[in-house]
Protein backbone atom coordinates (compact mmCIF):
# COMPACT_ATOMS: atom_id res chain seq x y z
CA MET A 1 -9.55 -43.56 -26.24
CA LEU A 2 -11.62 -46.51 -24.94
CA LEU A 3 -10.42 -48.55 -21.94
CA TYR A 4 -12.25 -51.82 -21.27
CA GLU A 5 -11.94 -55.19 -19.49
CA GLY A 6 -10.87 -53.44 -16.32
CA GLU A 7 -12.33 -52.40 -12.98
CA TRP A 8 -12.42 -49.27 -10.88
CA VAL A 9 -10.06 -49.29 -7.89
CA ARG A 10 -10.09 -46.64 -5.21
CA ASP A 11 -6.91 -45.54 -3.49
CA GLY A 12 -7.90 -42.99 -0.87
CA ASN A 13 -9.63 -40.21 -2.79
CA VAL A 14 -8.16 -41.25 -6.14
CA PHE A 15 -9.80 -43.71 -8.56
CA TYR A 16 -7.91 -45.88 -11.06
CA PHE A 17 -9.16 -48.11 -13.86
CA GLU A 18 -6.91 -51.16 -13.54
CA GLY A 19 -6.29 -54.20 -15.71
CA SER A 20 -7.72 -52.60 -18.83
CA LYS A 21 -7.18 -52.87 -22.56
CA GLY A 22 -7.23 -49.85 -24.85
CA LYS A 23 -8.62 -48.96 -28.25
CA GLY A 24 -8.59 -45.64 -30.08
CA ILE A 25 -11.65 -44.47 -32.01
CA GLU A 26 -12.70 -41.35 -33.91
CA ILE A 27 -16.17 -39.96 -33.33
CA PRO A 28 -17.93 -36.79 -34.51
CA LYS A 29 -18.32 -33.96 -32.02
CA THR A 30 -22.10 -34.03 -32.48
CA ILE A 31 -22.55 -37.71 -31.57
CA SER A 32 -25.46 -38.47 -29.25
CA TYR A 33 -25.49 -40.72 -26.20
CA LYS A 34 -27.39 -43.49 -28.00
CA GLU A 35 -25.07 -43.32 -31.00
CA LEU A 36 -22.00 -43.51 -28.78
CA LEU A 37 -23.50 -46.46 -26.93
CA GLY A 38 -24.08 -48.21 -30.24
CA VAL A 39 -20.50 -47.53 -31.36
CA VAL A 40 -19.09 -49.02 -28.15
CA HIS A 41 -21.36 -52.09 -28.45
CA HIS A 42 -20.17 -52.58 -32.03
CA ILE A 43 -16.46 -52.14 -31.27
CA LEU A 44 -16.50 -54.47 -28.26
CA LYS A 45 -18.82 -56.94 -30.07
CA LEU A 46 -21.41 -56.95 -27.29
CA ASP A 47 -25.09 -57.85 -27.42
CA PRO A 48 -27.06 -55.01 -25.78
CA THR A 49 -29.88 -57.42 -24.88
CA ASN A 50 -27.59 -59.51 -22.69
CA CYS A 51 -25.38 -56.93 -21.03
CA PHE A 52 -25.34 -53.44 -19.59
CA LEU A 53 -22.62 -50.90 -20.42
CA SER A 54 -21.37 -48.26 -18.00
CA MET A 55 -19.30 -45.44 -19.53
CA LYS A 56 -17.34 -43.37 -17.01
CA TYR A 57 -14.33 -41.06 -16.91
CA VAL A 58 -12.32 -39.21 -14.29
CA PHE A 59 -12.37 -35.42 -14.53
CA ASN A 60 -8.95 -33.78 -14.11
CA ALA A 61 -9.95 -31.26 -11.45
CA ASN A 62 -8.01 -29.52 -8.71
CA ILE A 63 -9.62 -31.80 -6.16
CA PRO A 64 -9.90 -35.61 -6.38
CA THR A 65 -13.13 -36.59 -8.11
CA SER A 66 -14.86 -39.91 -8.48
CA PRO A 67 -15.67 -41.45 -11.87
CA ILE A 68 -18.36 -39.51 -13.73
CA GLN A 69 -20.87 -41.57 -15.71
CA LEU A 70 -22.26 -40.66 -19.13
CA THR A 71 -26.04 -40.89 -19.03
CA ASP A 72 -27.37 -38.50 -21.68
CA ASP A 73 -26.45 -36.28 -24.63
CA GLY A 74 -25.34 -33.43 -22.36
CA ASP A 75 -22.82 -35.65 -20.60
CA VAL A 76 -21.43 -36.83 -23.95
CA LYS A 77 -21.13 -33.26 -25.25
CA PHE A 78 -19.32 -32.17 -22.09
CA PHE A 79 -16.94 -35.14 -22.27
CA ILE A 80 -16.09 -34.47 -25.93
CA GLY A 81 -15.49 -30.81 -25.09
CA LEU A 82 -12.95 -31.81 -22.45
CA ASN A 83 -11.05 -33.89 -24.99
CA CYS A 84 -11.06 -31.06 -27.54
CA THR A 85 -9.18 -28.69 -25.22
CA ASN A 86 -5.82 -27.81 -26.74
CA GLY A 87 -2.67 -28.48 -24.78
CA LYS A 88 -4.22 -31.11 -22.49
CA LEU A 89 -3.86 -34.86 -22.47
CA PRO A 90 -6.96 -36.75 -23.65
CA ILE A 91 -9.28 -38.20 -21.03
CA PRO A 92 -10.03 -41.91 -21.68
CA LEU A 93 -13.55 -43.30 -21.54
CA CYS A 94 -13.61 -46.36 -19.26
CA ILE A 95 -16.12 -49.12 -20.07
CA THR A 96 -17.43 -51.69 -17.60
CA VAL A 97 -19.84 -54.45 -18.61
CA GLU A 98 -22.42 -56.23 -16.45
CA LYS A 99 -24.56 -59.16 -17.52
CA ARG A 100 -28.32 -58.72 -17.32
CA ILE A 101 -30.02 -61.03 -14.77
CA ASP A 102 -33.65 -62.07 -15.00
CA ASN A 103 -35.03 -63.57 -11.78
CA HIS A 104 -38.85 -63.50 -11.64
CA ASN A 105 -39.07 -64.87 -8.13
CA GLN A 106 -37.96 -61.77 -6.31
CA LYS A 107 -35.94 -59.31 -8.39
CA SER A 108 -35.53 -58.37 -12.02
CA ILE A 109 -33.55 -55.82 -13.93
CA CYS A 110 -35.56 -53.33 -15.90
CA ASN A 111 -34.73 -52.37 -19.44
CA SER A 112 -32.78 -49.31 -18.39
CA TYR A 113 -30.96 -51.19 -15.64
CA PHE A 114 -31.89 -48.48 -13.16
CA GLU A 115 -30.82 -49.38 -9.67
CA CYS A 116 -31.92 -47.73 -6.49
CA HIS A 117 -30.89 -48.55 -2.98
CA MET A 118 -33.32 -48.85 -0.14
CA SER A 119 -33.95 -50.90 2.99
CA SER A 120 -36.15 -50.43 6.01
CA GLU A 121 -35.71 -49.99 9.71
CA ILE A 122 -37.81 -48.45 12.46
CA ASP A 123 -36.18 -45.36 13.87
CA LYS A 124 -38.50 -43.79 16.41
CA GLU A 125 -42.02 -42.53 17.12
CA LEU A 126 -42.88 -38.86 17.43
CA ASN A 127 -46.14 -37.66 19.05
CA GLY A 128 -47.73 -41.08 18.61
CA ASP A 129 -47.22 -41.04 14.85
CA SER A 130 -45.45 -43.96 13.26
CA MET A 131 -42.17 -42.91 11.69
CA LEU A 132 -40.72 -45.11 8.94
CA MET A 133 -37.04 -44.83 8.08
CA HIS A 134 -35.82 -46.60 4.92
CA LYS A 135 -32.20 -46.71 4.13
CA SER A 136 -30.59 -48.01 1.01
CA ARG A 137 -30.11 -51.64 0.09
CA HIS A 138 -29.97 -53.24 -3.35
CA ILE A 139 -33.41 -53.51 -4.96
CA HIS A 140 -34.59 -53.07 -8.54
CA CYS A 141 -37.15 -50.98 -10.31
CA ASP A 142 -39.95 -53.52 -10.46
CA SER A 143 -40.00 -54.67 -6.86
CA VAL A 144 -39.50 -53.32 -3.36
CA GLU A 145 -38.59 -55.34 -0.31
CA THR A 146 -41.19 -55.77 2.42
CA LEU A 147 -41.07 -52.91 4.91
CA THR A 148 -41.66 -53.23 8.64
CA VAL A 149 -43.69 -50.63 10.53
CA ASP A 150 -44.14 -50.78 14.32
CA GLY A 151 -43.20 -54.45 14.38
CA GLU A 152 -45.78 -55.43 11.77
CA ASN A 153 -44.76 -57.13 8.54
CA GLY A 154 -46.57 -56.27 5.38
CA PRO A 155 -45.91 -55.56 1.71
CA ARG A 156 -45.63 -51.91 0.83
CA PHE A 157 -44.95 -51.97 -2.95
CA GLN A 158 -45.07 -55.68 -3.68
CA ASN A 159 -44.08 -56.00 -7.38
CA GLU A 160 -45.43 -52.57 -8.19
CA SER A 161 -43.74 -50.15 -10.55
CA LEU A 162 -42.30 -47.01 -8.94
CA GLU A 163 -44.11 -44.81 -11.41
CA GLY A 164 -42.91 -41.24 -11.35
CA TYR A 165 -39.95 -41.92 -9.08
CA LYS A 166 -36.77 -40.45 -10.60
CA VAL A 167 -33.25 -40.03 -9.33
CA HIS A 168 -30.68 -38.07 -11.35
CA ASP A 169 -27.05 -39.08 -10.92
CA TRP A 170 -24.70 -36.41 -9.69
CA ASN A 171 -22.22 -35.39 -12.34
CA MET A 172 -20.74 -32.25 -13.85
CA ASN A 173 -23.94 -31.48 -15.76
CA GLU A 174 -26.63 -32.49 -13.24
CA THR A 175 -26.21 -32.01 -9.52
CA ALA A 176 -29.76 -32.31 -8.25
CA ILE A 177 -31.69 -35.22 -6.81
CA ASN A 178 -35.30 -35.01 -8.00
CA GLU A 179 -38.18 -36.91 -6.48
CA GLU A 180 -41.81 -36.87 -7.60
CA ASP A 181 -44.90 -37.85 -5.61
CA TYR A 182 -45.94 -41.46 -5.92
CA ARG A 183 -48.84 -43.48 -4.53
CA MET A 184 -48.40 -46.08 -1.78
CA ASN A 185 -50.48 -48.28 0.54
CA THR A 186 -50.40 -46.55 3.92
CA ASN A 187 -50.63 -47.90 7.38
CA PRO A 188 -54.12 -46.96 8.67
CA THR A 189 -52.68 -46.33 12.10
CA SER A 190 -50.19 -43.80 10.83
CA ASP A 191 -50.83 -40.72 8.71
CA LYS A 192 -47.27 -39.42 8.69
CA GLN A 193 -44.00 -41.07 7.84
CA MET A 194 -40.47 -39.82 7.67
CA THR A 195 -38.44 -41.16 4.76
CA GLN A 196 -34.70 -40.94 4.45
CA ILE A 197 -33.43 -41.23 0.91
CA GLY A 198 -29.73 -41.64 1.40
CA SER A 199 -26.37 -42.90 0.28
CA PHE A 200 -27.10 -42.86 -3.44
CA ARG A 201 -24.02 -44.20 -5.18
CA THR A 202 -23.81 -41.91 -8.13
CA GLY A 203 -21.60 -41.13 -11.11
CA SER A 204 -19.39 -38.98 -8.91
CA ALA A 205 -19.39 -41.55 -6.12
CA GLN A 206 -20.59 -39.04 -3.56
CA SER A 207 -23.27 -39.50 -0.92
CA ALA A 208 -26.23 -37.32 -0.12
CA GLU A 209 -28.33 -37.76 3.02
CA ILE A 210 -31.71 -36.05 2.48
CA LEU A 211 -34.27 -36.14 5.26
CA THR A 212 -37.86 -35.08 4.65
CA MET A 213 -41.18 -35.28 6.49
CA ILE A 214 -43.87 -36.98 4.36
CA ASP A 215 -47.61 -36.59 4.98
CA THR A 216 -49.56 -39.74 3.97
CA SER A 217 -52.95 -39.07 5.51
CA ASP A 218 -54.74 -39.16 2.14
CA GLY A 219 -52.86 -42.14 0.75
CA PHE A 220 -50.32 -40.04 -1.14
CA ILE A 221 -46.86 -38.92 -0.19
CA HIS A 222 -46.61 -35.13 0.12
CA ASP A 223 -43.19 -33.59 0.74
CA ASN A 224 -42.81 -30.73 3.14
CA PRO A 225 -40.20 -28.21 1.92
CA THR A 226 -36.77 -29.82 2.30
CA ILE A 227 -33.26 -29.58 1.03
CA ILE A 228 -34.46 -31.38 -2.11
CA GLU A 229 -36.19 -28.20 -3.28
CA ASP A 230 -33.07 -26.14 -2.63
CA VAL A 231 -30.91 -28.56 -4.58
CA ALA A 232 -33.43 -28.65 -7.43
CA ASN A 233 -33.48 -24.85 -7.62
CA GLU A 234 -29.72 -24.86 -7.50
CA ARG A 235 -29.67 -27.32 -10.39
CA GLN A 236 -31.77 -24.95 -12.52
CA ASN A 237 -29.29 -22.15 -11.84
CA MET A 238 -26.39 -24.46 -12.62
CA MET A 239 -27.85 -25.46 -15.98
CA GLN A 240 -28.06 -21.79 -16.98
CA GLN A 241 -24.35 -21.12 -16.39
CA PRO A 242 -21.46 -23.21 -17.71
CA ILE A 243 -18.71 -24.28 -15.35
CA VAL A 244 -15.63 -22.17 -15.94
CA SER A 245 -12.39 -24.14 -16.04
CA GLY A 246 -8.81 -23.24 -16.86
CA ILE A 247 -6.89 -19.97 -16.64
CA SER A 248 -6.37 -19.05 -20.28
CA ASP A 249 -9.10 -16.42 -20.25
CA ASP A 250 -9.02 -13.48 -17.83
CA HIS A 251 -12.67 -12.61 -18.44
CA LEU A 252 -14.76 -12.41 -15.28
CA GLU A 253 -18.48 -11.76 -14.91
CA GLU A 254 -21.34 -12.25 -12.48
CA HIS A 255 -22.98 -15.70 -12.21
CA GLN A 256 -19.91 -17.53 -13.51
CA ILE A 257 -19.50 -20.90 -11.79
CA TYR A 258 -16.15 -22.43 -10.83
CA SER A 259 -15.49 -26.03 -9.85
CA SER A 260 -13.98 -24.94 -6.53
CA LYS A 261 -12.88 -21.91 -4.56
CA LYS A 262 -9.28 -22.76 -5.38
CA GLU A 263 -10.04 -22.59 -9.11
CA LEU A 264 -11.62 -19.15 -8.69
CA GLN A 265 -8.63 -17.91 -6.67
CA ARG A 266 -6.30 -19.11 -9.39
CA LYS A 267 -8.35 -17.27 -12.02
CA LEU A 268 -8.19 -14.06 -9.96
CA CYS A 269 -4.40 -14.32 -9.56
CA MET A 270 -3.88 -14.83 -13.29
CA MET A 271 -6.19 -11.91 -14.03
CA ALA A 272 -4.20 -9.66 -11.67
CA LEU A 273 -0.92 -10.65 -13.32
CA LYS A 274 -2.21 -10.00 -16.83
CA ARG A 275 -3.83 -6.66 -16.01
CA LYS A 276 -1.05 -5.51 -13.65
CA PHE A 277 -2.98 -4.81 -10.47
CA GLU A 278 -3.09 -6.24 -6.97
CA PHE A 279 -5.98 -7.39 -4.81
CA LYS A 280 -6.41 -8.49 -1.22
CA THR A 281 -8.65 -11.15 0.28
CA THR A 282 -10.89 -9.49 2.86
CA LYS A 283 -12.84 -12.63 3.78
CA SER A 284 -12.38 -16.28 2.96
CA THR A 285 -14.44 -19.09 4.48
CA THR A 286 -15.66 -22.47 3.28
CA LYS A 287 -18.79 -20.77 1.92
CA LEU A 288 -17.68 -17.23 1.02
CA LEU A 289 -14.85 -15.51 -0.84
CA LEU A 290 -14.57 -11.71 -0.91
CA VAL A 291 -11.64 -9.95 -2.62
CA GLU A 292 -11.03 -6.23 -3.19
CA CYS A 293 -8.51 -4.06 -4.98
CA PHE A 294 -5.44 -3.27 -2.91
CA ASP A 295 -6.21 0.44 -3.27
CA LYS A 296 -8.76 1.36 -0.62
CA GLU A 297 -10.32 4.01 -2.89
CA CYS A 298 -10.84 1.60 -5.80
CA LYS A 299 -14.30 0.05 -6.25
CA TRP A 300 -13.10 -3.18 -7.89
CA ARG A 301 -14.27 -6.21 -5.92
CA VAL A 302 -15.54 -9.77 -6.29
CA ARG A 303 -17.96 -11.67 -4.05
CA ALA A 304 -18.49 -15.40 -4.56
CA THR A 305 -20.44 -17.97 -2.55
CA LYS A 306 -20.57 -21.74 -2.38
CA LEU A 307 -23.38 -23.53 -4.19
CA GLY A 308 -25.31 -25.70 -1.74
CA ILE A 309 -23.56 -28.91 -0.71
CA SER A 310 -21.27 -28.95 -3.76
CA ASN A 311 -17.71 -27.63 -3.88
CA MET A 312 -18.57 -25.13 -6.62
CA PHE A 313 -18.39 -21.36 -6.18
CA GLN A 314 -20.45 -18.80 -8.09
CA ILE A 315 -19.65 -15.10 -8.52
CA MET A 316 -22.60 -13.19 -7.07
CA LYS A 317 -21.26 -9.61 -7.27
CA PHE A 318 -18.51 -8.19 -9.46
CA TYR A 319 -17.52 -4.54 -9.84
CA SER A 320 -15.18 -4.61 -12.81
CA THR A 321 -14.03 -0.98 -13.09
CA HIS A 322 -10.69 0.00 -11.58
CA THR A 323 -10.50 3.54 -10.20
CA CYS A 324 -7.08 3.24 -8.56
CA ARG A 325 -4.29 5.71 -9.25
CA LEU A 326 -1.52 4.89 -11.72
CA ASP A 327 1.07 4.80 -8.94
CA MET A 328 -1.00 2.05 -7.29
CA MET A 329 -0.88 -0.17 -10.37
CA SER A 330 1.70 -2.73 -9.31
CA ARG A 331 4.19 -4.62 -11.41
CA ASP A 332 5.75 -6.55 -8.52
CA ASN A 333 3.85 -9.74 -9.41
CA ARG A 334 3.04 -10.47 -5.77
CA HIS A 335 0.35 -12.93 -6.90
CA ALA A 336 2.86 -15.04 -8.86
CA SER A 337 3.27 -17.43 -5.95
CA SER A 338 4.90 -20.84 -6.09
CA TRP A 339 1.43 -22.38 -5.70
CA LEU A 340 0.11 -20.57 -8.78
CA ILE A 341 3.15 -21.47 -10.88
CA GLY A 342 2.91 -25.08 -9.75
CA GLU A 343 -0.78 -25.27 -10.63
CA SER A 344 -0.11 -23.79 -14.07
CA ILE A 345 2.67 -26.25 -14.78
CA ARG A 346 0.70 -29.23 -13.43
CA GLU A 347 -1.95 -28.83 -16.14
CA THR A 348 0.64 -29.74 -18.76
CA TYR A 349 1.89 -32.83 -16.90
CA GLN A 350 -1.17 -34.91 -16.10
CA GLY A 351 -0.18 -38.13 -17.83
CA ILE A 352 1.31 -41.22 -16.25
CA GLY A 353 5.07 -41.18 -15.79
CA CYS A 354 5.55 -37.48 -16.60
CA GLU A 355 8.61 -35.84 -15.06
CA PHE A 356 9.41 -32.16 -14.69
CA ARG A 357 13.01 -31.65 -13.66
CA PRO A 358 14.98 -28.37 -13.40
CA LYS A 359 16.49 -28.88 -16.85
CA ASP A 360 12.96 -29.33 -18.24
CA ILE A 361 11.97 -26.00 -16.70
CA VAL A 362 14.95 -24.31 -18.35
CA ALA A 363 14.06 -25.89 -21.69
CA ASN A 364 10.43 -24.74 -21.43
CA ILE A 365 11.19 -21.12 -20.59
CA ARG A 366 10.11 -18.92 -23.44
CA LYS A 367 13.26 -17.51 -25.02
CA HIS A 368 11.81 -15.42 -27.84
CA PHE A 369 9.24 -12.66 -28.22
CA PHE A 370 8.22 -10.88 -31.45
CA MET A 371 5.99 -7.88 -32.02
CA SER A 372 5.12 -6.10 -35.25
CA ILE A 373 2.73 -3.14 -35.45
CA GLY A 374 -0.14 -3.79 -37.85
CA ALA A 375 -0.37 -0.19 -39.03
CA SER A 376 3.38 -0.14 -39.73
CA ILE A 377 3.19 -3.35 -41.76
CA ALA A 378 0.29 -1.99 -43.82
CA GLY A 379 2.07 1.32 -44.40
CA PHE A 380 5.27 -0.43 -45.43
CA HIS A 381 3.46 -2.14 -48.31
CA THR A 382 1.88 1.08 -49.58
CA SER A 383 4.21 3.99 -48.81
CA ILE A 384 7.69 2.96 -47.63
CA ARG A 385 10.86 2.34 -49.61
CA PRO A 386 11.78 -1.38 -49.35
CA VAL A 387 14.97 -0.80 -47.38
CA VAL A 388 15.00 -2.36 -43.90
CA ALA A 389 17.71 -1.70 -41.33
CA VAL A 390 18.17 -4.29 -38.58
CA ASP A 391 20.24 -4.18 -35.43
CA ARG A 392 20.26 -5.37 -31.85
CA THR A 393 20.86 -3.97 -28.39
CA PHE A 394 21.37 -5.67 -25.04
CA LEU A 395 18.85 -5.79 -22.20
CA LYS A 396 20.15 -5.00 -18.72
CA ALA A 397 17.43 -6.39 -16.44
CA LYS A 398 17.89 -9.37 -14.13
CA TYR A 399 17.62 -12.03 -16.83
CA LEU A 400 19.41 -10.04 -19.58
CA GLY A 401 18.67 -10.93 -23.22
CA THR A 402 18.86 -9.19 -26.60
CA LEU A 403 16.42 -6.77 -28.21
CA PHE A 404 16.18 -7.02 -32.01
CA ILE A 405 14.87 -4.05 -34.03
CA ALA A 406 13.82 -3.57 -37.65
CA ALA A 407 13.12 -0.04 -38.93
CA CYS A 408 12.77 1.98 -42.15
CA LYS A 409 12.55 5.59 -43.34
CA ASP A 410 9.34 7.19 -44.49
CA GLY A 411 8.95 9.73 -47.30
CA ASN A 412 10.15 12.55 -45.03
CA ASN A 413 13.19 10.53 -43.95
CA GLN A 414 11.68 10.08 -40.50
CA ILE A 415 12.14 6.91 -38.44
CA TYR A 416 9.52 4.26 -39.22
CA PRO A 417 9.51 1.38 -36.64
CA LEU A 418 8.63 -1.95 -38.20
CA ALA A 419 9.17 -4.80 -35.74
CA PHE A 420 10.75 -5.73 -32.41
CA GLY A 421 11.97 -9.04 -31.03
CA ILE A 422 13.57 -10.38 -27.86
CA GLY A 423 15.95 -13.34 -27.79
CA ASP A 424 18.41 -14.97 -25.44
CA SER A 425 21.54 -13.74 -27.27
CA GLU A 426 22.85 -12.64 -30.66
CA ASN A 427 23.55 -15.88 -32.54
CA ASP A 428 22.62 -17.67 -35.75
CA ALA A 429 19.43 -19.18 -34.33
CA SER A 430 18.14 -15.92 -32.83
CA TRP A 431 18.73 -13.85 -35.97
CA GLU A 432 17.17 -16.52 -38.16
CA TRP A 433 14.14 -16.64 -35.84
CA PHE A 434 13.73 -12.83 -35.84
CA LEU A 435 14.07 -12.46 -39.61
CA GLN A 436 11.72 -15.40 -40.17
CA LYS A 437 9.09 -13.70 -38.02
CA LEU A 438 9.69 -10.48 -39.95
CA HIS A 439 9.27 -12.40 -43.20
CA ASP A 440 6.00 -13.89 -41.92
CA ALA A 441 4.72 -10.39 -41.13
CA LEU A 442 5.84 -8.73 -44.38
CA GLY A 443 5.47 -11.54 -46.88
CA HIS A 444 7.41 -11.43 -50.15
CA ILE A 445 8.81 -7.97 -50.99
CA ASP A 446 10.21 -7.21 -54.43
CA ASP A 447 13.62 -5.45 -54.49
CA LEU A 448 14.01 -5.75 -50.72
CA PHE A 449 17.31 -4.40 -49.38
CA VAL A 450 18.50 -5.24 -45.85
CA ILE A 451 21.17 -3.14 -44.14
CA SER A 452 23.03 -4.18 -40.99
CA ASP A 453 26.45 -4.28 -39.40
CA ARG A 454 28.91 -7.01 -40.40
CA HIS A 455 27.78 -9.63 -37.87
CA GLY A 456 28.07 -13.04 -39.54
CA SER A 457 24.78 -14.34 -38.12
CA ILE A 458 22.83 -11.55 -39.84
CA GLU A 459 24.36 -12.29 -43.24
CA LYS A 460 23.57 -16.02 -42.92
CA ALA A 461 20.00 -15.36 -41.79
CA VAL A 462 19.30 -12.84 -44.58
CA HIS A 463 20.48 -15.23 -47.30
CA LYS A 464 18.40 -18.06 -45.80
CA VAL A 465 15.16 -16.23 -44.95
CA PHE A 466 15.20 -13.60 -47.74
CA PRO A 467 17.01 -15.43 -50.57
CA HIS A 468 15.96 -12.85 -53.19
CA ALA A 469 16.86 -9.79 -51.10
CA ARG A 470 20.10 -7.81 -51.28
CA HIS A 471 22.23 -7.39 -48.17
CA GLY A 472 24.39 -4.33 -47.57
CA VAL A 473 26.55 -3.27 -44.67
CA CYS A 474 26.40 -0.05 -42.69
CA THR A 475 29.12 2.31 -43.97
CA TYR A 476 29.38 4.01 -40.58
CA HIS A 477 30.42 0.75 -38.90
CA VAL A 478 32.94 0.02 -41.69
CA GLY A 479 34.43 3.51 -41.31
CA GLN A 480 34.78 3.10 -37.54
CA ASN A 481 36.58 -0.20 -38.07
CA LEU A 482 38.99 1.53 -40.48
CA LYS A 483 39.80 4.12 -37.81
CA THR A 484 40.48 1.40 -35.27
CA LYS A 485 42.57 -0.84 -37.51
CA PHE A 486 44.66 1.62 -39.54
CA LYS A 487 44.85 4.81 -37.44
CA ASN A 488 45.00 7.13 -40.48
CA PRO A 489 42.39 9.93 -40.82
CA ALA A 490 43.06 10.23 -44.56
CA ILE A 491 41.99 6.62 -45.09
CA HIS A 492 38.65 7.28 -43.41
CA LYS A 493 38.06 10.44 -45.50
CA LEU A 494 38.78 8.65 -48.79
CA PHE A 495 36.54 5.74 -47.79
CA HIS A 496 33.65 8.13 -47.10
CA ASP A 497 34.06 9.79 -50.50
CA ALA A 498 34.30 6.43 -52.27
CA ASP A 499 31.18 4.86 -50.75
CA HIS A 500 29.07 7.95 -51.59
CA ALA A 501 30.26 8.22 -55.20
CA TYR A 502 27.49 7.81 -57.77
CA ARG A 503 29.61 6.93 -60.82
CA ILE A 504 31.94 3.97 -61.10
CA SER A 505 34.65 6.15 -62.68
CA GLU A 506 34.54 8.50 -59.71
CA PHE A 507 34.73 5.56 -57.29
CA ASN A 508 37.71 4.02 -59.11
CA PHE A 509 39.68 7.28 -58.93
CA ILE A 510 39.07 7.77 -55.17
CA PHE A 511 39.66 4.13 -54.29
CA GLY A 512 42.93 4.16 -56.29
CA GLN A 513 44.20 7.02 -54.13
CA LEU A 514 43.25 5.06 -50.98
CA GLU A 515 45.09 1.99 -52.27
CA MET A 516 48.28 4.00 -52.88
CA ILE A 517 48.20 5.40 -49.32
CA ASP A 518 47.57 2.04 -47.58
CA PRO A 519 47.21 -1.17 -49.61
CA ARG A 520 46.20 -3.08 -46.46
CA ALA A 521 43.14 -0.86 -45.99
CA ALA A 522 42.18 -1.32 -49.63
CA ARG A 523 42.47 -5.11 -49.27
CA TYR A 524 40.34 -4.99 -46.12
CA LEU A 525 37.57 -3.13 -47.97
CA MET A 526 37.80 -5.46 -50.97
CA ASP A 527 37.36 -8.50 -48.68
CA ILE A 528 34.11 -7.06 -47.32
CA GLY A 529 32.73 -6.79 -50.84
CA VAL A 530 32.62 -3.50 -52.70
CA ASP A 531 29.02 -4.08 -53.81
CA ARG A 532 27.95 -4.27 -50.13
CA TRP A 533 29.17 -0.77 -49.15
CA ALA A 534 29.78 1.28 -52.32
CA ARG A 535 26.73 3.00 -53.78
CA SER A 536 28.12 2.95 -57.34
CA TYR A 537 28.63 -0.84 -57.31
CA SER A 538 25.46 -1.77 -55.42
CA THR A 539 23.39 -4.48 -57.13
CA GLY A 540 20.25 -3.39 -55.29
CA LYS A 541 18.38 -0.19 -54.61
CA ARG A 542 19.55 1.42 -51.34
CA TYR A 543 17.69 4.71 -51.94
CA ASN A 544 20.60 6.69 -50.47
CA ILE A 545 20.23 4.85 -47.13
CA MET A 546 23.85 3.96 -46.35
CA THR A 547 23.81 3.37 -42.56
CA THR A 548 21.72 1.79 -39.80
CA GLY A 549 21.38 5.14 -38.06
CA ILE A 550 17.59 4.83 -37.91
CA VAL A 551 17.92 1.73 -35.74
CA GLU A 552 20.66 3.26 -33.62
CA SER A 553 18.32 6.17 -32.92
CA LEU A 554 15.67 3.74 -31.66
CA ASN A 555 18.29 2.10 -29.46
CA ALA A 556 18.99 5.50 -27.90
CA VAL A 557 15.29 6.09 -27.27
CA LEU A 558 15.00 2.69 -25.55
CA LYS A 559 18.06 3.21 -23.37
CA ASN A 560 16.12 3.46 -20.10
CA ALA A 561 13.60 0.78 -21.09
CA ARG A 562 16.39 -1.78 -21.36
CA ASP A 563 16.57 -1.86 -17.56
CA LEU A 564 12.97 -3.10 -17.29
CA PRO A 565 11.78 -6.74 -17.22
CA VAL A 566 10.67 -8.26 -20.50
CA PHE A 567 6.94 -8.09 -19.74
CA ALA A 568 7.24 -4.36 -18.98
CA ILE A 569 8.98 -3.65 -22.29
CA GLY A 570 6.29 -5.55 -24.22
């Protein structure tokens, strides 16, 4: 997304691009800086010989950041990577245009439109040596304003090129300010000067005051070791390690760099929640963060320090192995603070006008969970009879819910777990979701037979998700309903004999006796559908599996687990 014909406006620490127009474009991920510049010139119908383009964007960080300018291929690659992140709103590229001015009398704009800022003032004298302080004012690459030293006026770089002088803008890819030696006409009465290179307005709109002693006795500027060298070395280290952003990955290693200490703390909290352990912060300052495992005997710890004058933190030491006892592994989620939850939610709502009300939170809560075991799925295709029993049981933890189970029998008639699911309740939508997930895991199965109780939602979901499968009911549940409704033990005995009969003639004889004893019971069984519970009339292959007992057995095994939270069950 391109935004143009606007201007940057600062409101406190926040920058806005106001009064702009928008245009959407598609670009390849491998586009270079020059190619992108050409595309923007073409779209906005601009003549590059008469104007200068500035391409900037605002990085969505935890702390307010100033507009970051694209200056090279690395910046473009980083910007495209930000926009390729799933689940995040796109970051627009804001374009400002300045006309090129050509004034030969005093100032001119060079081809690259490189601006530096410098002015002069006399600060003080030390040990009889003249000390020159220049501070920034607007000048251009091809000329430098006249500098005053000890009350004397004289040209210092009159219309001379600043050959070798380079300043790198501060942005997410380059954080150093580099300066190379350059030749100058020196004052014969002074062999040392102090130069202050300060207040560079950069892509991140931050200031850096760098003070260095310069020896000019031989006509050249020679820097004594200063903060410039430290920042340059820091830049080399920064270029070797990418900046880690986001919380989706719980991987941690030495030399990782984070945009701020807060971002690192958030990563540590998410890591503790995922791996079910607790840590404590033993020291936290503006320049140091030290965290250790809550168990005093455990060696797990992280040490991170601040990088120079930036806000970034780098992991210097990391002992990744936990040696704590099992009873020390916590599941209390003490790191799931309101701050962490708020930060996680805020990433999704970064656009203008986004609202997040209580009803939105309820709507966004994950209501379903499905798990199928890969080895069980593979074995089902090669060795298991295609008869699947499904059932549900209720969870008893704080937030309740329903546990869905699908199971089979192996060749030894042993229980063969197939899949598990968790939903909000037993209804049409939940059963359809669970069986659809089961269908996605199994694929198409010839002669599939599904057995369940008589819940209407299961029957609807089976016919919709597995249209070619047969659906039978559990004969145990039907028998229990007969006991409850008709209170006659003879009816239950005849029903059991009828549903297990192999031949139709045998079934008809037994069922006729049942009908003579109680016609209402016979009508009840006929309404269910004889082909759904009688083996002799079954249109599918049940393989002598008449009940959902295999699932009920799993329910009994999971009796105590139903009291646990959902994440503990999974």
